[in-house]
């Protein structure tokens, strides 16, 4: 195999970069996202048209109880035709909403659970080739029962969602066997397994750790 350049630890990082946007056309918009068509200019001057979904972003929660069981929900997802096993998760409802605030809200809304200890497990772009969505998955520990937030109404798919739990080791096995496919579950569970096999859960980032993707989203949104 040819001798490929080797990155140092400092170079092993996704770096914000933004090619000039020549023009932008909004193709559609709904309450959650919009579809944009951008004409962009490459570094050598070529102009390309790229269509993408402009998305508010999301958070997910890998909540682990005192028995090392993961709190999960089972929810119907129409675009893929599956009832997925997922972590409690949801959209960042407001543009400047703190991710931890959103995560705690979703955990209470979907699972009626609160957490006394939070860490960041992993940040990811769910489909960067065509969807702007960035997601942050948290680890939640020291769990207790909690009421749903005032004003929250269970409706639509969530009215048919159930809350369950499963041993952490069995969730890992389900991911590796291909039985569990939710991106926030897969990324969060494997991140937690990696942390446990390495420096431990307490080495994970603080719940308010910087999230550079959110700042870059604002620049991309403003480019049009």
C-alpha atoms as a PDB file:
ATOM      1  CA  UNK A   1       0.000   0.000   0.000  1.00  0.00           C
ATOM      2  CA  UNK A   2       1.237   3.495  -0.811  1.00  0.00           C
ATOM      3  CA  UNK A   3       2.738   5.657   1.934  1.00  0.00           C
ATOM      4  CA  UNK A   4      -0.126   7.977   2.917  1.00  0.00           C
ATOM      5  CA  UNK A   5       0.422  11.156   4.960  1.00  0.00           C
ATOM      6  CA  UNK A   6       0.044  10.497   8.656  1.00  0.00           C
ATOM      7  CA  UNK A   7      -1.870  12.962  10.798  1.00  0.00           C
ATOM      8  CA  UNK A   8      -0.618  13.982  14.205  1.00  0.00           C
ATOM      9  CA  UNK A   9      -3.003  14.073  17.149  1.00  0.00           C
ATOM     10  CA  UNK A  10      -3.340  17.849  16.724  1.00  0.00           C
ATOM     11  CA  UNK A  11      -4.212  17.435  13.040  1.00  0.00           C
ATOM     12  CA  UNK A  12      -6.868  14.795  13.676  1.00  0.00           C
ATOM     13  CA  UNK A  13      -9.738  17.244  13.852  1.00  0.00           C
ATOM     14  CA  UNK A  14     -12.676  18.415  11.737  1.00  0.00           C
ATOM     15  CA  UNK A  15     -11.936  22.029  10.874  1.00  0.00           C
ATOM     16  CA  UNK A  16     -14.589  24.630   9.983  1.00  0.00           C
ATOM     17  CA  UNK A  17     -14.328  25.666   6.333  1.00  0.00           C
ATOM     18  CA  UNK A  18     -16.785  27.533   4.155  1.00  0.00           C
ATOM     19  CA  UNK A  19     -16.559  27.949   0.403  1.00  0.00           C
ATOM     20  CA  UNK A  20     -18.177  31.163  -0.879  1.00  0.00           C
ATOM     21  CA  UNK A  21     -21.916  31.024  -1.484  1.00  0.00           C
ATOM     22  CA  UNK A  22     -22.677  32.740  -4.792  1.00  0.00           C
ATOM     23  CA  UNK A  23     -26.449  32.435  -4.426  1.00  0.00           C
ATOM     24  CA  UNK A  24     -29.084  30.635  -2.377  1.00  0.00           C
ATOM     25  CA  UNK A  25     -32.635  29.613  -3.258  1.00  0.00           C
ATOM     26  CA  UNK A  26     -35.075  28.278  -0.699  1.00  0.00           C
ATOM     27  CA  UNK A  27     -36.887  25.302  -2.208  1.00  0.00           C
ATOM     28  CA  UNK A  28     -39.262  24.597   0.697  1.00  0.00           C
ATOM     29  CA  UNK A  29     -39.789  25.238   4.393  1.00  0.00           C
ATOM     30  CA  UNK A  30     -41.770  23.655   7.206  1.00  0.00           C
ATOM     31  CA  UNK A  31     -41.792  24.017  10.992  1.00  0.00           C
ATOM     32  CA  UNK A  32     -38.677  21.855  11.484  1.00  0.00           C
ATOM     33  CA  UNK A  33     -36.363  22.410   8.517  1.00  0.00           C
ATOM     34  CA  UNK A  34     -35.959  24.040   5.127  1.00  0.00           C
ATOM     35  CA  UNK A  35     -34.473  22.843   1.839  1.00  0.00           C
ATOM     36  CA  UNK A  36     -31.872  25.131   0.295  1.00  0.00           C
ATOM     37  CA  UNK A  37     -30.161  25.166  -3.088  1.00  0.00           C
ATOM     38  CA  UNK A  38     -26.768  26.881  -2.912  1.00  0.00           C
ATOM     39  CA  UNK A  39     -24.437  27.779  -5.744  1.00  0.00           C
ATOM     40  CA  UNK A  40     -20.945  27.655  -4.244  1.00  0.00           C
ATOM     41  CA  UNK A  41     -17.506  28.477  -5.594  1.00  0.00           C
ATOM     42  CA  UNK A  42     -14.662  25.982  -5.148  1.00  0.00           C
ATOM     43  CA  UNK A  43     -11.080  27.078  -4.389  1.00  0.00           C
ATOM     44  CA  UNK A  44     -10.178  26.761  -8.094  1.00  0.00           C
ATOM     45  CA  UNK A  45     -13.125  28.910  -9.203  1.00  0.00           C
ATOM     46  CA  UNK A  46     -15.591  26.236 -10.317  1.00  0.00           C
ATOM     47  CA  UNK A  47     -19.241  26.852  -9.415  1.00  0.00           C
ATOM     48  CA  UNK A  48     -21.308  23.962  -8.045  1.00  0.00           C
ATOM     49  CA  UNK A  49     -24.943  23.628  -7.043  1.00  0.00           C
ATOM     50  CA  UNK A  50     -25.533  21.787  -3.772  1.00  0.00           C
ATOM     51  CA  UNK A  51     -28.950  21.175  -2.247  1.00  0.00           C
ATOM     52  CA  UNK A  52     -29.222  20.493   1.476  1.00  0.00           C
ATOM     53  CA  UNK A  53     -31.595  20.452   4.413  1.00  0.00           C
ATOM     54  CA  UNK A  54     -31.123  23.340   6.819  1.00  0.00           C
ATOM     55  CA  UNK A  55     -31.815  21.809  10.238  1.00  0.00           C
ATOM     56  CA  UNK A  56     -32.186  23.097  13.784  1.00  0.00           C
ATOM     57  CA  UNK A  57     -30.037  20.369  15.370  1.00  0.00           C
ATOM     58  CA  UNK A  58     -30.767  17.775  18.027  1.00  0.00           C
ATOM     59  CA  UNK A  59     -29.722  16.189  21.299  1.00  0.00           C
ATOM     60  CA  UNK A  60     -29.941  12.632  22.602  1.00  0.00           C
ATOM     61  CA  UNK A  61     -29.517  11.075  26.036  1.00  0.00           C
ATOM     62  CA  UNK A  62     -27.940   7.760  26.971  1.00  0.00           C
ATOM     63  CA  UNK A  63     -29.466   7.460  30.446  1.00  0.00           C
ATOM     64  CA  UNK A  64     -28.002   4.660  32.572  1.00  0.00           C
ATOM     65  CA  UNK A  65     -29.615   3.636  35.854  1.00  0.00           C
ATOM     66  CA  UNK A  66     -28.091   2.171  39.015  1.00  0.00           C
ATOM     67  CA  UNK A  67     -28.480  -1.369  37.629  1.00  0.00           C
ATOM     68  CA  UNK A  68     -26.533  -0.470  34.466  1.00  0.00           C
ATOM     69  CA  UNK A  69     -29.670  -0.545  32.348  1.00  0.00           C
ATOM     70  CA  UNK A  70     -30.153   1.975  29.548  1.00  0.00           C
ATOM     71  CA  UNK A  71     -33.453   3.881  29.394  1.00  0.00           C
ATOM     72  CA  UNK A  72     -34.839   3.576  25.864  1.00  0.00           C
ATOM     73  CA  UNK A  73     -37.927   4.461  23.854  1.00  0.00           C
ATOM     74  CA  UNK A  74     -39.480   2.609  20.939  1.00  0.00           C
ATOM     75  CA  UNK A  75     -40.842   4.990  18.331  1.00  0.00           C
ATOM     76  CA  UNK A  76     -42.286   4.691  14.825  1.00  0.00           C
ATOM     77  CA  UNK A  77     -40.209   6.469  12.172  1.00  0.00           C
ATOM     78  CA  UNK A  78     -42.167   6.788   8.957  1.00  0.00           C
ATOM     79  CA  UNK A  79     -39.333   7.739   6.510  1.00  0.00           C
ATOM     80  CA  UNK A  80     -37.494   4.462   7.173  1.00  0.00           C
ATOM     81  CA  UNK A  81     -40.519   2.273   7.903  1.00  0.00           C
ATOM     82  CA  UNK A  82     -39.234   1.059  11.278  1.00  0.00           C
ATOM     83  CA  UNK A  83     -40.203   1.182  14.912  1.00  0.00           C
ATOM     84  CA  UNK A  84     -36.776   2.092  16.230  1.00  0.00           C
ATOM     85  CA  UNK A  85     -35.254   1.535  19.638  1.00  0.00           C
ATOM     86  CA  UNK A  86     -33.826   4.947  20.462  1.00  0.00           C
ATOM     87  CA  UNK A  87     -32.493   7.036  23.321  1.00  0.00           C
ATOM     88  CA  UNK A  88     -34.698   9.890  24.498  1.00  0.00           C
ATOM     89  CA  UNK A  89     -33.943  12.632  22.015  1.00  0.00           C
ATOM     90  CA  UNK A  90     -35.329  15.694  20.334  1.00  0.00           C
ATOM     91  CA  UNK A  91     -34.766  18.923  18.480  1.00  0.00           C
ATOM     92  CA  UNK A  92     -33.110  22.039  19.762  1.00  0.00           C
ATOM     93  CA  UNK A  93     -36.361  23.973  19.829  1.00  0.00           C
ATOM     94  CA  UNK A  94     -34.778  27.411  19.975  1.00  0.00           C
ATOM     95  CA  UNK A  95     -31.800  28.675  17.971  1.00  0.00           C
ATOM     96  CA  UNK A  96     -29.768  29.564  21.063  1.00  0.00           C
ATOM     97  CA  UNK A  97     -31.138  26.897  23.419  1.00  0.00           C
ATOM     98  CA  UNK A  98     -28.461  25.362  25.653  1.00  0.00           C
ATOM     99  CA  UNK A  99     -27.972  21.720  24.585  1.00  0.00           C
ATOM    100  CA  UNK A 100     -28.027  20.484  28.189  1.00  0.00           C
ATOM    101  CA  UNK A 101     -31.323  22.268  28.795  1.00  0.00           C
ATOM    102  CA  UNK A 102     -32.789  20.585  25.726  1.00  0.00           C
ATOM    103  CA  UNK A 103     -31.454  17.174  26.768  1.00  0.00           C
ATOM    104  CA  UNK A 104     -32.931  17.426  30.260  1.00  0.00           C
ATOM    105  CA  UNK A 105     -36.249  18.508  28.770  1.00  0.00           C
ATOM    106  CA  UNK A 106     -36.353  15.589  26.330  1.00  0.00           C
ATOM    107  CA  UNK A 107     -35.462  13.084  29.052  1.00  0.00           C
ATOM    108  CA  UNK A 108     -38.360  14.355  31.159  1.00  0.00           C
ATOM    109  CA  UNK A 109     -40.814  14.596  28.263  1.00  0.00           C
ATOM    110  CA  UNK A 110     -40.165  11.190  26.750  1.00  0.00           C
ATOM    111  CA  UNK A 111     -39.097   9.028  29.695  1.00  0.00           C
ATOM    112  CA  UNK A 112     -40.288  11.011  32.747  1.00  0.00           C
ATOM    113  CA  UNK A 113     -36.775  10.778  34.162  1.00  0.00           C
ATOM    114  CA  UNK A 114     -34.370  13.359  35.622  1.00  0.00           C
ATOM    115  CA  UNK A 115     -30.603  13.021  36.011  1.00  0.00           C
ATOM    116  CA  UNK A 116     -28.248  14.330  38.671  1.00  0.00           C
ATOM    117  CA  UNK A 117     -25.046  13.865  36.648  1.00  0.00           C
ATOM    118  CA  UNK A 118     -24.405  14.768  33.019  1.00  0.00           C
ATOM    119  CA  UNK A 119     -21.483  14.313  30.601  1.00  0.00           C
ATOM    120  CA  UNK A 120     -20.992  14.728  26.862  1.00  0.00           C
ATOM    121  CA  UNK A 121     -20.551  11.398  25.084  1.00  0.00           C
ATOM    122  CA  UNK A 122     -20.192  12.353  21.431  1.00  0.00           C
ATOM    123  CA  UNK A 123     -20.949  15.045  18.847  1.00  0.00           C
ATOM    124  CA  UNK A 124     -21.835  14.112  15.288  1.00  0.00           C
ATOM    125  CA  UNK A 125     -23.221  15.263  11.965  1.00  0.00           C
ATOM    126  CA  UNK A 126     -25.940  12.735  11.202  1.00  0.00           C
ATOM    127  CA  UNK A 127     -25.897  13.026   7.373  1.00  0.00           C
ATOM    128  CA  UNK A 128     -23.346  15.690   6.386  1.00  0.00           C
ATOM    129  CA  UNK A 129     -23.622  15.079   2.646  1.00  0.00           C
ATOM    130  CA  UNK A 130     -27.134  16.455   2.480  1.00  0.00           C
ATOM    131  CA  UNK A 131     -28.474  17.412   5.907  1.00  0.00           C
ATOM    132  CA  UNK A 132     -27.104  20.162   8.134  1.00  0.00           C
ATOM    133  CA  UNK A 133     -28.206  18.418  11.349  1.00  0.00           C
ATOM    134  CA  UNK A 134     -25.632  18.288  14.119  1.00  0.00           C
ATOM    135  CA  UNK A 135     -26.376  16.272  17.245  1.00  0.00           C
ATOM    136  CA  UNK A 136     -24.901  16.021  20.725  1.00  0.00           C
ATOM    137  CA  UNK A 137     -25.390  12.843  22.751  1.00  0.00           C
ATOM    138  CA  UNK A 138     -25.155  13.089  26.526  1.00  0.00           C
ATOM    139  CA  UNK A 139     -24.563  10.505  29.227  1.00  0.00           C
ATOM    140  CA  UNK A 140     -27.059  10.902  32.088  1.00  0.00           C
ATOM    141  CA  UNK A 141     -26.507   9.206  35.450  1.00  0.00           C
ATOM    142  CA  UNK A 142     -27.970   9.393  38.958  1.00  0.00           C
ATOM    143  CA  UNK A 143     -31.487   8.933  37.598  1.00  0.00           C
ATOM    144  CA  UNK A 144     -34.802   9.555  39.328  1.00  0.00           C
ATOM    145  CA  UNK A 145     -38.457   9.720  38.333  1.00  0.00           C
ATOM    146  CA  UNK A 146     -39.686  13.118  37.168  1.00  0.00           C
ATOM    147  CA  UNK A 147     -42.935  14.628  35.874  1.00  0.00           C
ATOM    148  CA  UNK A 148     -43.298  15.774  32.310  1.00  0.00           C
ATOM    149  CA  UNK A 149     -42.704  19.530  31.902  1.00  0.00           C
ATOM    150  CA  UNK A 150     -45.723  21.778  32.294  1.00  0.00           C
ATOM    151  CA  UNK A 151     -47.559  22.245  29.030  1.00  0.00           C
ATOM    152  CA  UNK A 152     -46.072  19.221  27.294  1.00  0.00           C
ATOM    153  CA  UNK A 153     -48.716  17.243  25.393  1.00  0.00           C
ATOM    154  CA  UNK A 154     -48.087  13.675  24.213  1.00  0.00           C
ATOM    155  CA  UNK A 155     -49.272  13.484  20.607  1.00  0.00           C
ATOM    156  CA  UNK A 156     -48.590  12.075  17.160  1.00  0.00           C
ATOM    157  CA  UNK A 157     -45.906   9.337  17.106  1.00  0.00           C
ATOM    158  CA  UNK A 158     -45.048   9.968  20.744  1.00  0.00           C
ATOM    159  CA  UNK A 159     -48.578   8.922  21.726  1.00  0.00           C
ATOM    160  CA  UNK A 160     -47.660   5.420  20.502  1.00  0.00           C
ATOM    161  CA  UNK A 161     -44.151   5.358  21.990  1.00  0.00           C
ATOM    162  CA  UNK A 162     -43.251   3.164  24.949  1.00  0.00           C
ATOM    163  CA  UNK A 163     -40.438   3.575  27.473  1.00  0.00           C
ATOM    164  CA  UNK A 164     -38.319   0.513  28.260  1.00  0.00           C
ATOM    165  CA  UNK A 165     -34.908  -0.389  29.629  1.00  0.00           C
ATOM    166  CA  UNK A 166     -32.240  -2.931  28.732  1.00  0.00           C
ATOM    167  CA  UNK A 167     -28.844  -3.978  30.116  1.00  0.00           C
ATOM    168  CA  UNK A 168     -26.005  -1.888  28.728  1.00  0.00           C
ATOM    169  CA  UNK A 169     -24.093  -4.959  27.516  1.00  0.00           C
ATOM    170  CA  UNK A 170     -27.125  -6.187  25.580  1.00  0.00           C
ATOM    171  CA  UNK A 171     -27.588  -2.802  23.928  1.00  0.00           C
ATOM    172  CA  UNK A 172     -23.939  -2.851  22.825  1.00  0.00           C
ATOM    173  CA  UNK A 173     -24.414  -6.365  21.449  1.00  0.00           C
ATOM    174  CA  UNK A 174     -27.551  -5.262  19.596  1.00  0.00           C
ATOM    175  CA  UNK A 175     -25.678  -2.392  17.952  1.00  0.00           C
ATOM    176  CA  UNK A 176     -22.774  -4.581  16.867  1.00  0.00           C
ATOM    177  CA  UNK A 177     -25.162  -7.239  15.520  1.00  0.00           C
ATOM    178  CA  UNK A 178     -26.985  -4.654  13.395  1.00  0.00           C
ATOM    179  CA  UNK A 179     -30.276  -5.008  15.234  1.00  0.00           C
ATOM    180  CA  UNK A 180     -30.204  -1.417  16.555  1.00  0.00           C
ATOM    181  CA  UNK A 181     -29.727   1.336  13.982  1.00  0.00           C
ATOM    182  CA  UNK A 182     -30.730   4.701  15.444  1.00  0.00           C
ATOM    183  CA  UNK A 183     -27.702   6.967  14.827  1.00  0.00           C
ATOM    184  CA  UNK A 184     -27.867   8.637  18.239  1.00  0.00           C
ATOM    185  CA  UNK A 185     -28.146   5.261  19.966  1.00  0.00           C
ATOM    186  CA  UNK A 186     -25.338   3.679  17.942  1.00  0.00           C
ATOM    187  CA  UNK A 187     -22.947   6.593  18.400  1.00  0.00           C
ATOM    188  CA  UNK A 188     -23.812   7.178  22.062  1.00  0.00           C
ATOM    189  CA  UNK A 189     -23.628   3.542  23.149  1.00  0.00           C
ATOM    190  CA  UNK A 190     -20.342   2.878  21.350  1.00  0.00           C
ATOM    191  CA  UNK A 191     -18.873   6.101  22.760  1.00  0.00           C
ATOM    192  CA  UNK A 192     -19.837   4.987  26.260  1.00  0.00           C
ATOM    193  CA  UNK A 193     -18.381   1.523  25.691  1.00  0.00           C
ATOM    194  CA  UNK A 194     -15.150   3.115  24.467  1.00  0.00           C
ATOM    195  CA  UNK A 195     -14.979   5.427  27.484  1.00  0.00           C
ATOM    196  CA  UNK A 196     -15.492   2.516  29.854  1.00  0.00           C
ATOM    197  CA  UNK A 197     -12.766   0.508  28.124  1.00  0.00           C
ATOM    198  CA  UNK A 198     -10.384   3.468  28.346  1.00  0.00           C
ATOM    199  CA  UNK A 199     -10.092   6.363  30.767  1.00  0.00           C
ATOM    200  CA  UNK A 200     -13.559   5.873  32.259  1.00  0.00           C
ATOM    201  CA  UNK A 201     -16.836   7.790  32.295  1.00  0.00           C
ATOM    202  CA  UNK A 202     -15.487  10.548  34.522  1.00  0.00           C
ATOM    203  CA  UNK A 203     -12.988  11.441  31.775  1.00  0.00           C
ATOM    204  CA  UNK A 204     -15.815  12.483  29.448  1.00  0.00           C
ATOM    205  CA  UNK A 205     -16.350  16.137  28.614  1.00  0.00           C
ATOM    206  CA  UNK A 206     -18.337  18.404  30.902  1.00  0.00           C
ATOM    207  CA  UNK A 207     -21.997  18.904  29.929  1.00  0.00           C
ATOM    208  CA  UNK A 208     -21.355  22.500  28.874  1.00  0.00           C
ATOM    209  CA  UNK A 209     -18.297  21.669  26.739  1.00  0.00           C
ATOM    210  CA  UNK A 210     -17.891  23.804  23.590  1.00  0.00           C
ATOM    211  CA  UNK A 211     -19.782  22.593  20.520  1.00  0.00           C
ATOM    212  CA  UNK A 212     -18.098  24.206  17.482  1.00  0.00           C
ATOM    213  CA  UNK A 213     -20.663  22.845  15.012  1.00  0.00           C
ATOM    214  CA  UNK A 214     -23.285  25.203  16.410  1.00  0.00           C
ATOM    215  CA  UNK A 215     -21.170  28.293  15.718  1.00  0.00           C
ATOM    216  CA  UNK A 216     -20.400  27.068  12.210  1.00  0.00           C
ATOM    217  CA  UNK A 217     -24.108  26.448  11.580  1.00  0.00           C
ATOM    218  CA  UNK A 218     -24.812  30.114  12.233  1.00  0.00           C
ATOM    219  CA  UNK A 219     -22.166  31.093   9.640  1.00  0.00           C
ATOM    220  CA  UNK A 220     -23.581  28.706   7.043  1.00  0.00           C
ATOM    221  CA  UNK A 221     -27.113  29.954   7.693  1.00  0.00           C
ATOM    222  CA  UNK A 222     -25.978  33.573   7.295  1.00  0.00           C
ATOM    223  CA  UNK A 223     -24.133  32.881   4.045  1.00  0.00           C
ATOM    224  CA  UNK A 224     -27.341  32.927   2.031  1.00  0.00           C
END
